[in-house]
Amino acid sequence: MITQTMITTWVKTKAWFKDSVTIFWARIQYVVGIVGAGLIGAFSGYDFTQLSSMDARSAFKMLAFAALAGVITEVCRRRTL
């Protein structure tokens, strides 16, 4: 159920990002990407030279996520929410 408080919070959030959901989404992607990459690099112990030998399923998941993020960004860009 959407309450008046939720609507007011959303309006304030949009105003912070110049009434642009696209800018808001871009900032979310930026922060999550930087933090995620930093955490993976710092704590995973993963050998990043093995990225070229990913199996097909893992590569598909990564590409599907990137494509989904692009679609959401494009939808936000085309709409004035």
Protein backbone atom coordinates (compact mmCIF):
# COMPACT_ATOMS: atom_id res chain seq x y z
CA MET A 1 0.00 0.00 0.00
CA ILE A 2 1.42 3.37 -0.99
CA THR A 3 1.15 5.94 1.74
CA GLN A 4 1.53 9.70 1.66
CA THR A 5 4.88 9.35 3.43
CA MET A 6 6.18 7.05 0.68
CA ILE A 7 5.03 9.49 -2.00
CA THR A 8 6.64 12.41 -0.19
CA THR A 9 9.89 10.49 0.22
CA TRP A 10 9.91 9.61 -3.48
CA VAL A 11 9.26 13.24 -4.46
CA LYS A 12 12.11 14.41 -2.21
CA THR A 13 14.43 11.74 -3.67
CA LYS A 14 13.57 12.78 -7.23
CA ALA A 15 14.15 16.44 -6.33
CA TRP A 16 17.60 15.55 -4.98
CA PHE A 17 18.44 14.11 -8.42
CA LYS A 18 16.96 17.05 -10.36
CA ASP A 19 13.64 15.23 -10.89
CA SER A 20 15.36 12.62 -13.05
CA VAL A 21 14.94 8.92 -12.40
CA THR A 22 17.70 8.34 -14.96
CA ILE A 23 20.23 10.27 -12.89
CA PHE A 24 19.02 8.43 -9.78
CA TRP A 25 19.44 5.04 -11.50
CA ALA A 26 22.87 6.01 -12.85
CA ARG A 27 24.03 6.95 -9.34
CA ILE A 28 22.77 3.64 -7.96
CA GLN A 29 24.63 1.72 -10.67
CA TYR A 30 27.78 3.75 -10.03
CA VAL A 31 27.80 3.24 -6.27
CA VAL A 32 26.87 -0.46 -6.41
CA GLY A 33 29.45 -1.08 -9.14
CA ILE A 34 32.29 0.63 -7.29
CA VAL A 35 31.45 -0.94 -3.93
CA GLY A 36 30.86 -4.36 -5.47
CA ALA A 37 34.09 -4.32 -7.44
CA GLY A 38 36.00 -3.17 -4.38
CA LEU A 39 34.55 -5.90 -2.18
CA ILE A 40 35.14 -8.59 -4.79
CA GLY A 41 38.70 -7.44 -5.35
CA ALA A 42 39.49 -7.15 -1.65
CA PHE A 43 37.88 -10.27 -0.21
CA SER A 44 37.32 -12.87 -2.89
CA GLY A 45 40.83 -14.10 -3.52
CA TYR A 46 39.64 -14.72 -7.06
CA ASP A 47 42.19 -15.04 -9.85
CA PHE A 48 40.93 -12.42 -12.28
CA THR A 49 43.12 -13.78 -15.07
CA GLN A 50 40.63 -16.66 -15.35
CA LEU A 51 37.80 -14.42 -16.54
CA SER A 52 38.56 -15.32 -20.14
CA SER A 53 37.86 -18.98 -19.38
CA MET A 54 34.36 -18.53 -17.92
CA ASP A 55 31.87 -21.28 -18.60
CA ALA A 56 28.90 -20.45 -20.82
CA ARG A 57 26.37 -20.31 -17.99
CA SER A 58 28.37 -17.80 -15.94
CA ALA A 59 29.06 -15.67 -18.98
CA PHE A 60 25.35 -15.68 -19.88
CA LYS A 61 24.37 -14.59 -16.36
CA MET A 62 26.83 -11.72 -16.43
CA LEU A 63 25.71 -10.58 -19.88
CA ALA A 64 22.03 -10.91 -18.93
CA PHE A 65 22.57 -8.70 -15.87
CA ALA A 66 24.38 -6.07 -17.94
CA ALA A 67 21.63 -6.17 -20.58
CA LEU A 68 18.90 -5.84 -17.93
CA ALA A 69 20.65 -2.84 -16.38
CA GLY A 70 20.88 -1.27 -19.84
CA VAL A 71 17.19 -1.87 -20.54
CA ILE A 72 16.14 -0.35 -17.21
CA THR A 73 18.38 2.66 -17.84
CA GLU A 74 16.91 3.13 -21.31
CA VAL A 75 13.34 2.91 -20.01
CA CYS A 76 14.15 5.49 -17.34
CA ARG A 77 15.79 7.76 -19.90
CA ARG A 78 12.78 7.68 -22.21
CA ARG A 79 10.28 8.35 -19.45
CA THR A 80 10.06 11.45 -17.33
CA LEU A 81 9.21 10.01 -13.95
